[in-house]
């Protein structure tokens, strides 16, 4: 599975929101920041990012938090 630009943008939003709030980030919050992308599309992308190991889901009904692998990718892309 490829890490597309949209997946990278979603990961960036999750990391930045999580750092700011210390709370799991949900698809509605991401959709509000990205604009023009549906919550369903974002949920699919979040699922892919979780499967790839870039995000973690604390429990079933929670949003996502960045994994160490996701944080590492975020910091390497930001440099």
Protein backbone atom coordinates (compact mmCIF):
# COMPACT_ATOMS: atom_id res chain seq x y z
CA UNK A 1 0.00 0.00 0.00
CA UNK A 2 1.37 3.37 -1.03
CA UNK A 3 1.69 6.37 1.25
CA UNK A 4 -0.09 8.95 -0.91
CA UNK A 5 0.02 12.72 -0.49
CA UNK A 6 -3.47 12.61 1.04
CA UNK A 7 -2.37 10.00 3.59
CA UNK A 8 0.65 12.15 4.46
CA UNK A 9 -1.60 15.21 4.87
CA UNK A 10 -3.97 13.29 7.14
CA UNK A 11 -1.03 12.02 9.20
CA UNK A 12 0.23 15.60 9.52
CA UNK A 13 -3.18 16.79 10.76
CA UNK A 14 -3.43 13.92 13.26
CA UNK A 15 0.06 14.55 14.67
CA UNK A 16 -0.44 18.32 14.96
CA UNK A 17 -3.92 18.02 16.51
CA UNK A 18 -2.75 15.32 18.92
CA UNK A 19 0.25 17.41 20.02
CA UNK A 20 -2.04 20.42 20.52
CA UNK A 21 -4.85 18.61 22.40
CA UNK A 22 -3.38 15.33 23.75
CA UNK A 23 -6.67 13.70 22.64
CA UNK A 24 -7.32 11.10 19.90
CA UNK A 25 -8.23 12.78 16.61
CA UNK A 26 -11.43 11.82 14.79
CA UNK A 27 -12.42 11.97 11.14
CA UNK A 28 -14.73 14.99 11.64
CA UNK A 29 -11.89 17.10 13.01
CA UNK A 30 -9.65 16.08 10.12
CA UNK A 31 -12.38 16.78 7.55
CA UNK A 32 -12.89 20.25 9.02
CA UNK A 33 -9.19 21.05 8.66
CA UNK A 34 -8.73 19.53 5.20
CA UNK A 35 -11.94 20.75 3.56
CA UNK A 36 -13.39 19.03 0.52
CA UNK A 37 -12.68 15.49 1.75
CA UNK A 38 -15.56 13.44 3.16
CA UNK A 39 -15.45 11.87 6.60
CA UNK A 40 -15.92 8.44 4.99
CA UNK A 41 -12.86 8.92 2.79
CA UNK A 42 -10.87 10.08 5.78
CA UNK A 43 -11.98 7.04 7.81
CA UNK A 44 -10.74 4.77 5.02
CA UNK A 45 -7.40 6.58 4.93
CA UNK A 46 -7.15 6.41 8.74
CA UNK A 47 -7.74 2.67 8.55
CA UNK A 48 -4.95 2.33 5.98
CA UNK A 49 -2.56 4.44 8.08
CA UNK A 50 -3.36 2.29 11.12
CA UNK A 51 -2.76 -0.89 9.14
CA UNK A 52 0.58 0.53 7.94
CA UNK A 53 1.58 1.26 11.56
CA UNK A 54 1.60 5.07 11.35
CA UNK A 55 -1.44 5.52 13.62
CA UNK A 56 -2.89 3.70 16.61
CA UNK A 57 -6.47 3.52 17.86
CA UNK A 58 -6.66 3.47 21.68
CA UNK A 59 -10.07 1.74 21.56
CA UNK A 60 -12.77 0.99 19.01
CA UNK A 61 -14.81 4.17 19.34
CA UNK A 62 -11.83 6.51 19.73
CA UNK A 63 -10.11 8.60 17.12
CA UNK A 64 -6.50 7.93 16.17
CA UNK A 65 -3.19 8.89 17.76
CA UNK A 66 0.19 8.88 16.03
CA UNK A 67 2.42 5.87 16.62
CA UNK A 68 6.17 6.26 17.10
CA UNK A 69 6.54 5.30 13.41
CA UNK A 70 4.05 8.04 12.44
CA UNK A 71 5.83 10.65 14.55
CA UNK A 72 9.15 9.68 12.99
CA UNK A 73 7.76 10.07 9.47
CA UNK A 74 6.18 13.41 10.41
CA UNK A 75 9.44 14.79 11.79
CA UNK A 76 11.49 13.51 8.85
CA UNK A 77 9.04 15.08 6.35
CA UNK A 78 9.06 18.36 8.28
CA UNK A 79 12.85 18.67 8.13
